[in-house]
Amino acid sequence: MNISIITVGKLKEKYLRLGIDEYLKRLSAYAKVEVIEVADEKAPEELSELEMVQVKQKEGERILTKISQDTYVIALAIQGKLASSEELADSLDKLATYGKSKIAFVIGGSLGLSEEVLKRSNEQLSFSRMTFPHQLMRLILVEQVYRAYRINRGEPYHK
């Protein structure tokens, strides 16, 4: 399976990079995983509603250029479906079983995802009703994908 994690912005925090690199290394035994960063849109701290929409649209256009037609897209969105680790594992297993070999998880910028990206997604997934920094979501996501593979293989890790 080929998994892309498409995310807005550069990851600057060393501790997050180290954690993500560790899980990507572990995941390499199960799947080809690639992190694709698209530029975030520079914007002032205080934005109007219209300016927020424009920022998300510009970031969304960049995201959509990284998604091929045959890719199954899972958008990370606070309003998405909540799932347990076991349910995520089952979902990934079913996608593989039914021939979906290209999967993209999409993490938006600090303002979230554009309507266009949400419409392109095949499903929306929420890790919590809480808001997390989008950089931290990368680490949480790669850990959960790794956990999903371990669960599906019956390997010790999941507690």
Protein backbone atom coordinates (compact mmCIF):
# COMPACT_ATOMS: atom_id res chain seq x y z
CA MET A 1 0.00 0.00 0.00
CA ASN A 2 1.16 3.52 -0.81
CA ILE A 3 0.21 6.09 1.81
CA SER A 4 0.72 9.81 1.38
CA ILE A 5 0.37 12.30 4.18
CA ILE A 6 -0.29 15.64 2.55
CA THR A 7 0.13 18.48 4.97
CA VAL A 8 0.28 22.26 4.96
CA GLY A 9 3.46 23.97 6.13
CA LYS A 10 6.99 22.99 7.05
CA LEU A 11 7.67 21.08 10.24
CA LYS A 12 10.11 23.12 12.31
CA GLU A 13 10.07 21.47 15.73
CA LYS A 14 12.93 18.99 16.06
CA TYR A 15 11.16 16.82 18.65
CA LEU A 16 8.20 16.30 16.30
CA ARG A 17 10.50 15.49 13.37
CA LEU A 18 12.32 12.90 15.46
CA GLY A 19 9.06 11.21 16.48
CA ILE A 20 7.66 11.23 12.97
CA ASP A 21 10.91 9.88 11.52
CA GLU A 22 10.86 7.03 14.06
CA TYR A 23 7.32 5.97 13.13
CA LEU A 24 8.02 6.34 9.40
CA LYS A 25 10.99 4.01 9.84
CA ARG A 26 8.80 1.48 11.67
CA LEU A 27 6.06 1.80 9.05
CA SER A 28 8.47 1.07 6.20
CA ALA A 29 8.13 -2.65 7.01
CA TYR A 30 4.40 -2.49 6.18
CA ALA A 31 3.79 0.21 3.60
CA LYS A 32 5.41 2.91 1.52
CA VAL A 33 4.65 6.15 3.37
CA GLU A 34 5.52 9.57 2.05
CA VAL A 35 5.02 12.96 3.70
CA ILE A 36 4.25 15.74 1.22
CA GLU A 37 4.41 19.30 2.48
CA VAL A 38 2.70 22.13 0.63
CA ALA A 39 3.40 25.77 1.42
CA ASP A 40 1.17 27.50 3.88
CA GLU A 41 -0.37 30.79 2.87
CA LYS A 42 1.17 33.76 4.65
CA ALA A 43 -1.50 35.75 6.45
CA PRO A 44 -1.76 38.25 9.30
CA GLU A 45 -2.82 37.06 12.75
CA GLU A 46 -6.23 38.77 12.53
CA LEU A 47 -8.28 37.71 9.51
CA SER A 48 -11.81 38.41 8.36
CA GLU A 49 -14.09 35.49 7.52
CA LEU A 50 -13.53 36.13 3.80
CA GLU A 51 -9.74 36.23 4.24
CA MET A 52 -9.84 32.92 6.13
CA VAL A 53 -11.76 31.31 3.28
CA GLN A 54 -9.27 32.71 0.75
CA VAL A 55 -6.29 31.34 2.72
CA LYS A 56 -7.90 27.88 2.94
CA GLN A 57 -8.71 27.97 -0.79
CA LYS A 58 -5.11 28.78 -1.76
CA GLU A 59 -3.75 26.05 0.51
CA GLY A 60 -6.44 23.69 -0.79
CA GLU A 61 -5.40 24.30 -4.40
CA ARG A 62 -1.85 23.29 -3.47
CA ILE A 63 -3.11 20.16 -1.71
CA LEU A 64 -5.29 19.09 -4.63
CA THR A 65 -2.34 19.23 -7.06
CA LYS A 66 -0.72 16.44 -4.99
CA ILE A 67 -3.70 14.05 -5.24
CA SER A 68 -4.11 11.75 -8.24
CA GLN A 69 -7.50 10.61 -9.53
CA ASP A 70 -7.07 7.05 -8.26
CA THR A 71 -6.18 8.06 -4.71
CA TYR A 72 -8.55 7.37 -1.83
CA VAL A 73 -8.55 10.56 0.26
CA ILE A 74 -9.07 10.72 4.02
CA ALA A 75 -9.29 14.31 5.22
CA LEU A 76 -8.52 14.97 8.87
CA ALA A 77 -11.28 17.27 10.02
CA ILE A 78 -12.64 18.06 13.47
CA GLN A 79 -16.19 17.50 12.17
CA GLY A 80 -15.24 14.11 10.69
CA LYS A 81 -16.12 10.65 11.92
CA LEU A 82 -14.57 9.63 15.22
CA ALA A 83 -12.88 6.22 15.11
CA SER A 84 -11.05 3.99 17.53
CA SER A 85 -7.61 2.61 16.68
CA GLU A 86 -9.24 -0.75 15.92
CA GLU A 87 -11.76 0.93 13.57
CA LEU A 88 -8.98 2.76 11.73
CA ALA A 89 -7.10 -0.54 11.41
CA ASP A 90 -10.22 -2.23 10.03
CA SER A 91 -10.81 0.63 7.59
CA LEU A 92 -7.24 0.46 6.24
CA ASP A 93 -7.51 -3.33 5.96
CA LYS A 94 -10.75 -3.06 3.97
CA LEU A 95 -9.27 -0.43 1.66
CA ALA A 96 -6.35 -2.76 0.89
CA THR A 97 -8.68 -5.73 0.43
CA TYR A 98 -10.82 -3.85 -2.09
CA GLY A 99 -7.89 -2.68 -4.18
CA LYS A 100 -7.35 0.84 -2.87
CA SER A 101 -3.57 0.81 -2.97
CA LYS A 102 -3.14 4.60 -2.92
CA ILE A 103 -4.36 6.41 0.17
CA ALA A 104 -3.78 10.04 1.07
CA PHE A 105 -4.37 11.47 4.51
CA VAL A 106 -4.75 15.25 4.33
CA ILE A 107 -3.92 17.60 7.21
CA GLY A 108 -4.86 21.23 6.69
CA GLY A 109 -3.14 24.32 7.98
CA SER A 110 -3.98 26.24 11.12
CA LEU A 111 -7.32 27.34 9.64
CA GLY A 112 -8.32 23.85 8.49
CA LEU A 113 -9.21 22.53 5.04
CA SER A 114 -10.98 24.22 2.15
CA GLU A 115 -14.43 23.10 1.01
CA GLU A 116 -12.84 21.89 -2.23
CA VAL A 117 -10.51 19.52 -0.38
CA LEU A 118 -13.35 18.27 1.83
CA LYS A 119 -15.48 17.62 -1.28
CA ARG A 120 -12.60 15.69 -2.92
CA SER A 121 -12.16 13.51 0.15
CA ASN A 122 -13.74 10.07 0.25
CA GLU A 123 -14.13 10.34 3.99
CA GLN A 124 -13.43 12.72 6.83
CA LEU A 125 -11.78 11.44 9.98
CA SER A 126 -11.57 13.16 13.36
CA PHE A 127 -9.10 12.16 16.02
CA SER A 128 -10.94 14.18 18.63
CA ARG A 129 -13.40 17.01 19.02
CA MET A 130 -10.46 18.93 20.50
CA THR A 131 -8.24 21.09 18.32
CA PHE A 132 -4.61 20.00 17.94
CA PRO A 133 -1.73 21.88 16.31
CA HIS A 134 -1.55 20.65 12.72
CA GLN A 135 2.16 19.85 13.14
CA LEU A 136 1.40 17.60 16.13
CA MET A 137 -1.31 15.85 14.09
CA ARG A 138 1.39 14.51 11.78
CA LEU A 139 2.98 12.65 14.68
CA ILE A 140 -0.36 11.42 16.01
CA LEU A 141 -1.39 10.24 12.52
CA VAL A 142 1.80 8.30 11.72
CA GLU A 143 1.66 6.64 15.15
CA GLN A 144 -1.97 5.61 14.60
CA VAL A 145 -1.25 4.26 11.10
CA TYR A 146 1.64 2.26 12.55
CA ARG A 147 -0.64 1.00 15.34
CA ALA A 148 -3.25 0.02 12.72
CA TYR A 149 -0.76 -2.16 10.86
CA ARG A 150 0.32 -3.81 14.12
CA ILE A 151 -3.32 -4.47 15.06
CA ASN A 152 -4.09 -5.95 11.63
CA ARG A 153 -1.10 -8.29 11.85
CA GLY A 154 -1.88 -9.35 15.41
CA GLU A 155 1.51 -8.08 16.51
CA PRO A 156 2.18 -6.85 20.03
CA TYR A 157 2.03 -3.09 20.42
CA HIS A 158 -1.60 -2.20 20.84
CA LYS A 159 -2.66 -1.92 24.47
